[in-house]
N, C-alpha and C. Protein backbone atom coordinates (compact mmCIF):
# COMPACT_ATOMS: atom_id res chain seq x y z
N MET A 1 28.08 -30.64 -8.58
CA MET A 1 27.46 -30.24 -7.28
C MET A 1 27.17 -28.72 -7.36
N GLY A 2 26.02 -28.38 -6.93
CA GLY A 2 25.66 -26.93 -6.93
C GLY A 2 25.94 -26.28 -5.60
N ILE A 3 25.32 -25.13 -5.45
CA ILE A 3 25.40 -24.36 -4.22
C ILE A 3 24.25 -24.69 -3.37
N TYR A 4 24.46 -24.84 -2.10
CA TYR A 4 23.43 -25.15 -1.11
C TYR A 4 22.80 -23.83 -0.59
N LEU A 5 21.51 -23.71 -0.82
CA LEU A 5 20.76 -22.54 -0.40
C LEU A 5 20.05 -22.89 0.94
N VAL A 6 20.50 -22.34 2.02
CA VAL A 6 19.90 -22.69 3.29
C VAL A 6 18.81 -21.74 3.74
N GLU A 7 17.77 -22.35 4.25
CA GLU A 7 16.63 -21.54 4.64
C GLU A 7 16.61 -21.28 6.12
N SER A 8 15.67 -20.55 6.65
CA SER A 8 15.69 -20.06 8.01
C SER A 8 15.84 -21.20 9.01
N ASN A 9 15.09 -22.29 8.81
CA ASN A 9 15.14 -23.34 9.86
C ASN A 9 16.47 -24.13 9.90
N PHE A 10 17.29 -23.97 8.85
CA PHE A 10 18.61 -24.53 8.96
C PHE A 10 19.38 -23.90 10.12
N PHE A 11 19.24 -22.61 10.26
CA PHE A 11 19.88 -21.90 11.37
C PHE A 11 19.12 -22.01 12.68
N ILE A 12 17.81 -21.76 12.60
CA ILE A 12 17.02 -21.64 13.84
C ILE A 12 16.88 -23.00 14.52
N GLN A 13 16.59 -24.07 13.80
CA GLN A 13 16.48 -25.38 14.46
C GLN A 13 17.87 -25.83 14.96
N ALA A 14 18.90 -25.57 14.23
CA ALA A 14 20.24 -25.91 14.72
C ALA A 14 20.51 -25.20 16.00
N HIS A 15 20.26 -23.92 16.02
CA HIS A 15 20.54 -23.09 17.21
C HIS A 15 19.70 -23.49 18.39
N ARG A 16 18.46 -23.71 18.19
CA ARG A 16 17.52 -23.96 19.32
C ARG A 16 17.43 -25.41 19.73
N VAL A 17 17.74 -26.34 18.80
CA VAL A 17 17.46 -27.80 19.13
C VAL A 17 18.66 -28.63 18.98
N SER A 18 19.19 -28.71 17.74
CA SER A 18 20.22 -29.77 17.44
C SER A 18 21.65 -29.38 17.75
N TYR A 19 22.02 -28.15 17.51
CA TYR A 19 23.44 -27.73 17.63
C TYR A 19 23.51 -26.37 18.37
N PRO A 20 23.19 -26.27 19.62
CA PRO A 20 23.20 -25.01 20.36
C PRO A 20 24.64 -24.34 20.15
N LEU A 21 24.54 -23.05 20.03
CA LEU A 21 25.81 -22.28 19.82
C LEU A 21 26.82 -22.47 20.97
N ASP A 22 26.32 -22.67 22.19
CA ASP A 22 27.21 -22.78 23.31
C ASP A 22 27.74 -24.22 23.51
N VAL A 23 27.31 -25.14 22.66
CA VAL A 23 27.74 -26.58 22.89
C VAL A 23 28.38 -27.10 21.61
N ALA A 24 27.84 -26.85 20.46
CA ALA A 24 28.26 -27.50 19.19
C ALA A 24 29.16 -26.62 18.38
N PHE A 25 30.33 -26.30 18.90
CA PHE A 25 31.21 -25.36 18.27
C PHE A 25 31.65 -25.87 16.87
N SER A 26 31.87 -27.21 16.75
CA SER A 26 32.37 -27.70 15.46
C SER A 26 31.33 -27.55 14.34
N PHE A 27 30.04 -27.68 14.71
CA PHE A 27 28.98 -27.45 13.68
C PHE A 27 29.06 -26.03 13.15
N TRP A 28 29.06 -25.09 14.07
CA TRP A 28 29.08 -23.65 13.62
C TRP A 28 30.35 -23.28 12.96
N ASN A 29 31.46 -23.86 13.42
CA ASN A 29 32.76 -23.56 12.65
C ASN A 29 32.65 -24.09 11.24
N LYS A 30 31.99 -25.25 11.05
CA LYS A 30 31.85 -25.80 9.72
C LYS A 30 30.97 -24.95 8.86
N VAL A 31 29.86 -24.44 9.44
CA VAL A 31 28.96 -23.55 8.73
C VAL A 31 29.70 -22.32 8.28
N LYS A 32 30.51 -21.77 9.16
CA LYS A 32 31.30 -20.57 8.83
C LYS A 32 32.24 -20.89 7.67
N GLN A 33 32.92 -21.96 7.75
CA GLN A 33 33.88 -22.38 6.67
C GLN A 33 33.16 -22.54 5.39
N LEU A 34 32.03 -23.26 5.32
CA LEU A 34 31.30 -23.48 4.12
C LEU A 34 30.77 -22.16 3.49
N ALA A 35 30.38 -21.25 4.40
CA ALA A 35 29.89 -19.97 3.91
C ALA A 35 31.02 -19.13 3.30
N GLU A 36 32.20 -19.17 3.99
CA GLU A 36 33.37 -18.43 3.45
C GLU A 36 33.79 -19.00 2.12
N GLU A 37 33.66 -20.34 1.95
CA GLU A 37 34.07 -21.01 0.68
C GLU A 37 32.99 -20.82 -0.37
N GLY A 38 31.88 -20.20 -0.04
CA GLY A 38 30.79 -19.98 -1.04
C GLY A 38 30.03 -21.25 -1.37
N LYS A 39 30.08 -22.30 -0.52
CA LYS A 39 29.39 -23.51 -0.77
C LYS A 39 27.96 -23.50 -0.28
N ILE A 40 27.68 -22.61 0.71
CA ILE A 40 26.34 -22.41 1.18
C ILE A 40 26.04 -20.88 1.10
N ILE A 41 24.84 -20.61 0.76
CA ILE A 41 24.35 -19.25 0.71
C ILE A 41 22.95 -19.16 1.28
N SER A 42 22.40 -17.97 1.40
CA SER A 42 21.01 -17.78 1.76
C SER A 42 20.57 -16.43 1.16
N ILE A 43 19.33 -16.04 1.55
CA ILE A 43 18.82 -14.82 0.99
C ILE A 43 18.47 -13.82 2.08
N ASP A 44 18.26 -12.63 1.65
CA ASP A 44 17.98 -11.52 2.56
C ASP A 44 16.73 -11.73 3.47
N LYS A 45 15.74 -12.43 2.88
CA LYS A 45 14.51 -12.69 3.70
C LYS A 45 14.82 -13.63 4.85
N VAL A 46 15.72 -14.58 4.67
CA VAL A 46 16.15 -15.39 5.74
C VAL A 46 16.90 -14.59 6.78
N ARG A 47 17.80 -13.73 6.34
CA ARG A 47 18.54 -12.89 7.28
C ARG A 47 17.54 -12.09 8.12
N ASN A 48 16.49 -11.54 7.51
CA ASN A 48 15.51 -10.73 8.25
C ASN A 48 14.81 -11.56 9.30
N GLU A 49 14.46 -12.81 8.95
CA GLU A 49 13.85 -13.64 9.95
C GLU A 49 14.74 -13.98 11.12
N ILE A 50 16.00 -14.23 10.85
CA ILE A 50 16.93 -14.51 11.91
C ILE A 50 17.21 -13.28 12.77
N TYR A 51 17.40 -12.16 12.12
CA TYR A 51 17.71 -10.92 12.86
C TYR A 51 16.51 -10.34 13.62
N HIS A 52 15.38 -10.81 13.29
CA HIS A 52 14.18 -10.34 13.99
C HIS A 52 14.15 -10.72 15.48
N ASN A 53 14.84 -11.77 15.83
CA ASN A 53 14.82 -12.30 17.17
C ASN A 53 15.80 -11.60 18.12
N ASN A 54 16.75 -10.90 17.64
CA ASN A 54 17.71 -10.13 18.46
C ASN A 54 18.33 -11.15 19.51
N ASP A 55 18.91 -12.22 19.08
CA ASP A 55 19.43 -13.24 20.03
C ASP A 55 20.87 -13.57 19.64
N THR A 56 21.40 -14.61 20.32
CA THR A 56 22.76 -15.01 20.03
C THR A 56 22.96 -15.57 18.65
N LEU A 57 21.93 -16.11 18.06
CA LEU A 57 22.06 -16.58 16.63
C LEU A 57 22.29 -15.35 15.70
N GLU A 58 21.61 -14.26 15.87
CA GLU A 58 21.85 -13.10 15.11
C GLU A 58 23.28 -12.63 15.35
N GLU A 59 23.70 -12.59 16.61
CA GLU A 59 25.10 -12.12 16.90
C GLU A 59 26.14 -13.02 16.14
N TRP A 60 25.89 -14.34 16.18
CA TRP A 60 26.81 -15.26 15.57
C TRP A 60 26.81 -15.00 14.05
N CYS A 61 25.65 -14.85 13.43
CA CYS A 61 25.59 -14.65 12.01
C CYS A 61 26.32 -13.31 11.63
N ARG A 62 26.10 -12.22 12.34
CA ARG A 62 26.72 -10.97 11.99
C ARG A 62 28.24 -11.08 12.13
N ALA A 63 28.70 -11.86 13.11
CA ALA A 63 30.12 -11.94 13.37
C ALA A 63 30.81 -12.99 12.48
N ASN A 64 30.10 -13.95 11.94
CA ASN A 64 30.76 -15.07 11.27
C ASN A 64 30.45 -15.28 9.80
N LEU A 65 29.37 -14.77 9.29
CA LEU A 65 29.05 -14.98 7.90
C LEU A 65 29.58 -13.84 7.00
N PRO A 66 30.07 -14.23 5.84
CA PRO A 66 30.55 -13.18 4.91
C PRO A 66 29.49 -12.18 4.56
N ASP A 67 29.95 -10.97 4.22
CA ASP A 67 29.01 -9.89 3.89
C ASP A 67 28.10 -10.24 2.75
N ASP A 68 28.57 -11.06 1.81
CA ASP A 68 27.75 -11.39 0.65
C ASP A 68 27.00 -12.78 0.81
N PHE A 69 26.90 -13.27 2.01
CA PHE A 69 26.26 -14.54 2.21
C PHE A 69 24.80 -14.50 1.95
N PHE A 70 24.08 -13.42 2.38
CA PHE A 70 22.64 -13.30 2.15
C PHE A 70 22.40 -12.57 0.83
N LYS A 71 21.97 -13.24 -0.19
CA LYS A 71 21.78 -12.69 -1.52
C LYS A 71 20.44 -11.94 -1.55
N GLU A 72 20.35 -11.02 -2.50
CA GLU A 72 19.15 -10.24 -2.68
C GLU A 72 18.06 -11.13 -3.33
N SER A 73 16.94 -11.27 -2.69
CA SER A 73 15.90 -12.13 -3.24
C SER A 73 15.24 -11.45 -4.41
N SER A 74 15.43 -10.11 -4.55
CA SER A 74 14.87 -9.40 -5.69
C SER A 74 15.40 -9.93 -7.00
N GLU A 75 16.52 -10.56 -6.99
CA GLU A 75 17.11 -11.13 -8.19
C GLU A 75 16.21 -12.24 -8.80
N ALA A 76 15.27 -12.73 -8.03
CA ALA A 76 14.44 -13.86 -8.50
C ALA A 76 12.94 -13.44 -8.64
N MET A 77 12.71 -12.21 -8.94
CA MET A 77 11.34 -11.75 -9.00
C MET A 77 10.54 -12.43 -10.10
N ALA A 78 11.10 -12.73 -11.22
CA ALA A 78 10.37 -13.43 -12.31
C ALA A 78 9.90 -14.80 -11.77
N ALA A 79 10.84 -15.48 -11.12
CA ALA A 79 10.52 -16.82 -10.54
C ALA A 79 9.49 -16.63 -9.42
N TYR A 80 9.56 -15.55 -8.68
CA TYR A 80 8.63 -15.32 -7.62
C TYR A 80 7.18 -15.24 -8.16
N GLY A 81 7.07 -14.60 -9.31
CA GLY A 81 5.75 -14.54 -9.97
C GLY A 81 5.15 -15.94 -10.23
N GLN A 82 6.03 -16.87 -10.60
CA GLN A 82 5.59 -18.30 -10.84
C GLN A 82 5.14 -18.88 -9.50
N VAL A 83 5.87 -18.61 -8.49
CA VAL A 83 5.54 -19.20 -7.15
C VAL A 83 4.22 -18.60 -6.69
N VAL A 84 3.99 -17.34 -6.88
CA VAL A 84 2.70 -16.68 -6.49
C VAL A 84 1.59 -17.38 -7.26
N ASP A 85 1.75 -17.56 -8.58
CA ASP A 85 0.72 -18.18 -9.41
C ASP A 85 0.43 -19.64 -8.93
N TRP A 86 1.48 -20.37 -8.58
CA TRP A 86 1.32 -21.70 -8.11
C TRP A 86 0.53 -21.71 -6.78
N ALA A 87 0.86 -20.81 -5.88
CA ALA A 87 0.18 -20.80 -4.54
C ALA A 87 -1.27 -20.46 -4.74
N ILE A 88 -1.57 -19.48 -5.55
CA ILE A 88 -2.97 -19.06 -5.78
C ILE A 88 -3.76 -20.18 -6.43
N SER A 89 -3.11 -20.92 -7.31
CA SER A 89 -3.78 -22.08 -7.99
C SER A 89 -4.14 -23.17 -6.99
N ARG A 90 -3.59 -23.11 -5.78
CA ARG A 90 -3.85 -24.10 -4.78
C ARG A 90 -4.87 -23.57 -3.73
N SER A 91 -5.49 -22.46 -4.06
CA SER A 91 -6.43 -21.86 -3.11
C SER A 91 -7.64 -22.72 -2.74
N SER A 92 -7.97 -23.67 -3.54
CA SER A 92 -9.10 -24.57 -3.21
C SER A 92 -8.65 -25.56 -2.11
N HIS A 93 -7.35 -25.79 -1.95
CA HIS A 93 -6.83 -26.70 -0.95
C HIS A 93 -6.49 -25.98 0.40
N TYR A 94 -5.70 -24.85 0.22
CA TYR A 94 -5.23 -24.19 1.40
C TYR A 94 -6.17 -23.13 1.95
N MET A 95 -6.16 -22.94 3.23
CA MET A 95 -6.97 -21.92 3.86
C MET A 95 -6.41 -20.52 3.44
N PRO A 96 -7.26 -19.54 3.42
CA PRO A 96 -6.77 -18.19 3.08
C PRO A 96 -5.56 -17.71 3.90
N ASN A 97 -5.58 -18.02 5.18
CA ASN A 97 -4.46 -17.58 6.07
C ASN A 97 -3.15 -18.28 5.67
N ALA A 98 -3.21 -19.48 5.22
CA ALA A 98 -2.02 -20.23 4.77
C ALA A 98 -1.45 -19.53 3.55
N LEU A 99 -2.28 -19.16 2.59
CA LEU A 99 -1.79 -18.46 1.40
C LEU A 99 -1.25 -17.10 1.75
N ASN A 100 -1.94 -16.36 2.64
CA ASN A 100 -1.47 -15.05 3.01
C ASN A 100 -0.13 -15.13 3.67
N GLU A 101 0.06 -16.11 4.58
CA GLU A 101 1.33 -16.23 5.29
C GLU A 101 2.46 -16.60 4.29
N PHE A 102 2.19 -17.52 3.38
CA PHE A 102 3.21 -17.96 2.45
C PHE A 102 3.61 -16.85 1.52
N LEU A 103 2.68 -16.00 1.10
CA LEU A 103 2.95 -14.92 0.20
C LEU A 103 3.27 -13.59 0.83
N ASP A 104 3.32 -13.57 2.17
CA ASP A 104 3.66 -12.33 2.89
C ASP A 104 5.09 -11.93 2.47
N ALA A 105 5.21 -10.66 2.10
CA ALA A 105 6.56 -10.14 1.66
C ALA A 105 7.58 -10.24 2.72
N ASP A 106 7.27 -10.35 4.01
CA ASP A 106 8.23 -10.42 5.11
C ASP A 106 8.63 -11.90 5.43
N GLU A 107 7.90 -12.84 4.83
CA GLU A 107 8.19 -14.28 5.07
C GLU A 107 9.19 -14.78 4.03
N ALA A 108 10.07 -15.63 4.43
CA ALA A 108 11.14 -16.10 3.50
C ALA A 108 10.67 -17.29 2.60
N ASP A 109 9.69 -18.04 2.97
CA ASP A 109 9.42 -19.32 2.28
C ASP A 109 9.23 -19.16 0.76
N ALA A 110 8.28 -18.34 0.37
CA ALA A 110 8.04 -18.20 -1.12
C ALA A 110 9.28 -17.66 -1.84
N PHE A 111 10.07 -16.81 -1.15
CA PHE A 111 11.23 -16.23 -1.82
C PHE A 111 12.35 -17.31 -1.91
N ILE A 112 12.46 -18.19 -0.91
CA ILE A 112 13.42 -19.30 -1.02
C ILE A 112 13.05 -20.16 -2.22
N VAL A 113 11.80 -20.50 -2.34
CA VAL A 113 11.35 -21.29 -3.52
C VAL A 113 11.72 -20.57 -4.79
N ALA A 114 11.43 -19.26 -4.87
CA ALA A 114 11.72 -18.52 -6.04
C ALA A 114 13.19 -18.42 -6.37
N TYR A 115 14.01 -18.21 -5.37
CA TYR A 115 15.43 -18.07 -5.55
C TYR A 115 16.00 -19.41 -6.06
N ALA A 116 15.51 -20.49 -5.56
CA ALA A 116 15.94 -21.83 -6.02
C ALA A 116 15.45 -22.05 -7.43
N LEU A 117 14.20 -21.68 -7.69
CA LEU A 117 13.59 -21.87 -9.00
C LEU A 117 14.36 -21.10 -10.10
N ALA A 118 14.90 -19.95 -9.73
CA ALA A 118 15.61 -19.11 -10.74
C ALA A 118 16.88 -19.81 -11.25
N ASP A 119 17.37 -20.85 -10.57
CA ASP A 119 18.56 -21.58 -11.04
C ASP A 119 18.52 -23.04 -10.49
N THR A 120 17.54 -23.76 -10.97
CA THR A 120 17.32 -25.12 -10.43
C THR A 120 18.50 -26.08 -10.72
N ASN A 121 19.27 -25.80 -11.72
CA ASN A 121 20.44 -26.67 -12.01
C ASN A 121 21.57 -26.51 -11.03
N ASN A 122 21.64 -25.40 -10.28
CA ASN A 122 22.75 -25.09 -9.46
C ASN A 122 22.46 -24.85 -8.03
N ARG A 123 21.14 -24.82 -7.67
CA ARG A 123 20.80 -24.50 -6.25
C ARG A 123 20.03 -25.68 -5.62
N ILE A 124 20.51 -26.12 -4.49
CA ILE A 124 19.84 -27.20 -3.76
C ILE A 124 19.47 -26.60 -2.40
N VAL A 125 18.19 -26.65 -2.08
CA VAL A 125 17.71 -26.03 -0.82
C VAL A 125 17.96 -26.96 0.32
N VAL A 126 18.44 -26.38 1.41
CA VAL A 126 18.62 -27.16 2.68
C VAL A 126 17.58 -26.72 3.66
N THR A 127 16.73 -27.63 4.01
CA THR A 127 15.60 -27.32 4.92
C THR A 127 15.37 -28.53 5.85
N GLN A 128 14.80 -28.26 6.98
CA GLN A 128 14.40 -29.33 7.89
C GLN A 128 12.88 -29.59 7.76
N GLU A 129 12.20 -28.79 6.97
CA GLU A 129 10.77 -28.99 6.79
C GLU A 129 10.52 -30.29 6.00
N ILE A 130 9.44 -30.94 6.35
CA ILE A 130 8.99 -32.13 5.63
C ILE A 130 7.60 -31.89 5.08
N SER A 131 7.31 -32.53 4.02
CA SER A 131 6.02 -32.34 3.29
C SER A 131 4.87 -32.85 4.16
N GLU A 132 3.84 -32.08 4.14
CA GLU A 132 2.58 -32.49 4.76
C GLU A 132 1.47 -32.14 3.75
N PRO A 133 1.29 -33.01 2.73
CA PRO A 133 0.37 -32.72 1.61
C PRO A 133 -1.08 -32.47 1.95
N ASN A 134 -1.54 -33.06 3.08
CA ASN A 134 -2.90 -32.85 3.46
C ASN A 134 -3.20 -31.65 4.34
N ARG A 135 -2.10 -31.03 4.79
CA ARG A 135 -2.23 -29.87 5.62
C ARG A 135 -2.85 -28.71 4.87
N LYS A 136 -3.76 -28.05 5.47
CA LYS A 136 -4.47 -26.95 4.85
C LYS A 136 -4.19 -25.60 5.44
N LYS A 137 -3.71 -25.59 6.66
CA LYS A 137 -3.48 -24.32 7.42
C LYS A 137 -2.08 -23.73 7.18
N LYS A 138 -1.21 -24.43 6.49
CA LYS A 138 0.18 -23.92 6.25
C LYS A 138 0.72 -24.61 4.97
N ILE A 139 1.36 -23.80 4.14
CA ILE A 139 2.01 -24.33 2.99
C ILE A 139 3.45 -24.67 3.42
N LYS A 140 3.71 -25.96 3.39
CA LYS A 140 5.09 -26.44 3.69
C LYS A 140 5.90 -26.31 2.40
N ILE A 141 7.12 -25.78 2.46
CA ILE A 141 7.83 -25.49 1.24
C ILE A 141 8.21 -26.77 0.45
N PRO A 142 8.35 -27.95 1.05
CA PRO A 142 8.58 -29.11 0.20
C PRO A 142 7.49 -29.32 -0.86
N LYS A 143 6.26 -28.94 -0.57
CA LYS A 143 5.17 -29.07 -1.52
C LYS A 143 5.48 -28.23 -2.72
N ALA A 144 5.95 -27.00 -2.55
CA ALA A 144 6.35 -26.13 -3.67
C ALA A 144 7.55 -26.66 -4.38
N PHE A 145 8.57 -27.16 -3.60
CA PHE A 145 9.75 -27.72 -4.24
C PHE A 145 9.39 -28.87 -5.19
N ASN A 146 8.46 -29.74 -4.71
CA ASN A 146 8.07 -30.86 -5.59
C ASN A 146 7.34 -30.36 -6.80
N ALA A 147 6.49 -29.35 -6.67
CA ALA A 147 5.76 -28.81 -7.80
C ALA A 147 6.69 -28.25 -8.87
N PHE A 148 7.77 -27.61 -8.48
CA PHE A 148 8.67 -27.01 -9.40
C PHE A 148 9.93 -27.85 -9.70
N ILE A 149 9.97 -29.04 -9.13
CA ILE A 149 11.08 -29.96 -9.33
C ILE A 149 12.43 -29.29 -8.88
N ILE A 150 12.39 -28.77 -7.63
CA ILE A 150 13.53 -28.18 -7.04
C ILE A 150 14.16 -29.15 -6.10
N GLN A 151 15.48 -29.32 -6.14
CA GLN A 151 16.10 -30.26 -5.25
C GLN A 151 16.14 -29.68 -3.86
N PHE A 152 15.83 -30.56 -2.90
CA PHE A 152 15.97 -30.13 -1.50
C PHE A 152 16.37 -31.32 -0.63
N ILE A 153 17.14 -31.00 0.42
CA ILE A 153 17.67 -32.00 1.33
C ILE A 153 17.71 -31.41 2.78
N ASN A 154 17.98 -32.28 3.72
CA ASN A 154 18.13 -31.75 5.09
C ASN A 154 19.58 -31.50 5.37
N THR A 155 19.87 -30.97 6.53
CA THR A 155 21.21 -30.55 6.91
C THR A 155 22.22 -31.68 6.90
N ILE A 156 21.85 -32.83 7.42
CA ILE A 156 22.77 -33.98 7.53
C ILE A 156 23.03 -34.48 6.09
N GLU A 157 22.06 -34.55 5.26
CA GLU A 157 22.30 -35.01 3.88
C GLU A 157 23.22 -34.02 3.12
N MET A 158 23.07 -32.72 3.44
CA MET A 158 23.96 -31.79 2.83
C MET A 158 25.45 -32.08 3.20
N PHE A 159 25.68 -32.34 4.46
CA PHE A 159 27.00 -32.69 4.87
C PHE A 159 27.52 -33.94 4.24
N ARG A 160 26.65 -34.94 4.07
CA ARG A 160 26.97 -36.20 3.45
C ARG A 160 27.36 -35.94 1.97
N GLN A 161 26.54 -35.21 1.28
CA GLN A 161 26.85 -34.90 -0.13
C GLN A 161 28.16 -34.20 -0.31
N MET A 162 28.51 -33.30 0.64
CA MET A 162 29.74 -32.58 0.56
C MET A 162 30.94 -33.39 1.10
N LYS A 163 30.61 -34.53 1.71
CA LYS A 163 31.58 -35.39 2.29
C LYS A 163 32.39 -34.66 3.41
N VAL A 164 31.64 -33.92 4.23
CA VAL A 164 32.28 -33.22 5.35
C VAL A 164 31.70 -33.74 6.64
N THR A 165 32.50 -33.65 7.68
CA THR A 165 31.99 -34.02 9.03
C THR A 165 32.07 -32.79 9.94
N VAL A 166 31.27 -32.90 10.98
CA VAL A 166 31.26 -31.74 11.93
C VAL A 166 31.54 -32.27 13.28
């Protein structure tokens, strides 16, 4: 079993929809435990997206995640070049705005793909996104995961694979 690389919507959707911080204490305690054990990690670009909102999710992350939880995405710059090349090669399918958003240096998506690509044998991405192959206005990251043969699962499947309950 590898390390689970959680992307922005792992936190944001859980906080806003499925597991609100003020209700689902056991979920968030389990996330904290898994982070402390090094079983889940994320990257700096995800941290920036979360901290951009200045909300209770940011407060929770600052108070509960280990200092080394958010890894430097710059460690995967060689793989990022591959992701950029892949996205540009799809320019006949995607609208220019979709490509610009995906490749924006402040957006986490392409960097999550790159960070996973840099070690596909040991990193499994956890995302709530689902593939929409015909969509032209946004690049959904499962499309990139499939192109690079990167393992990805949703939050519940991650818990099942780890055989943990919340």
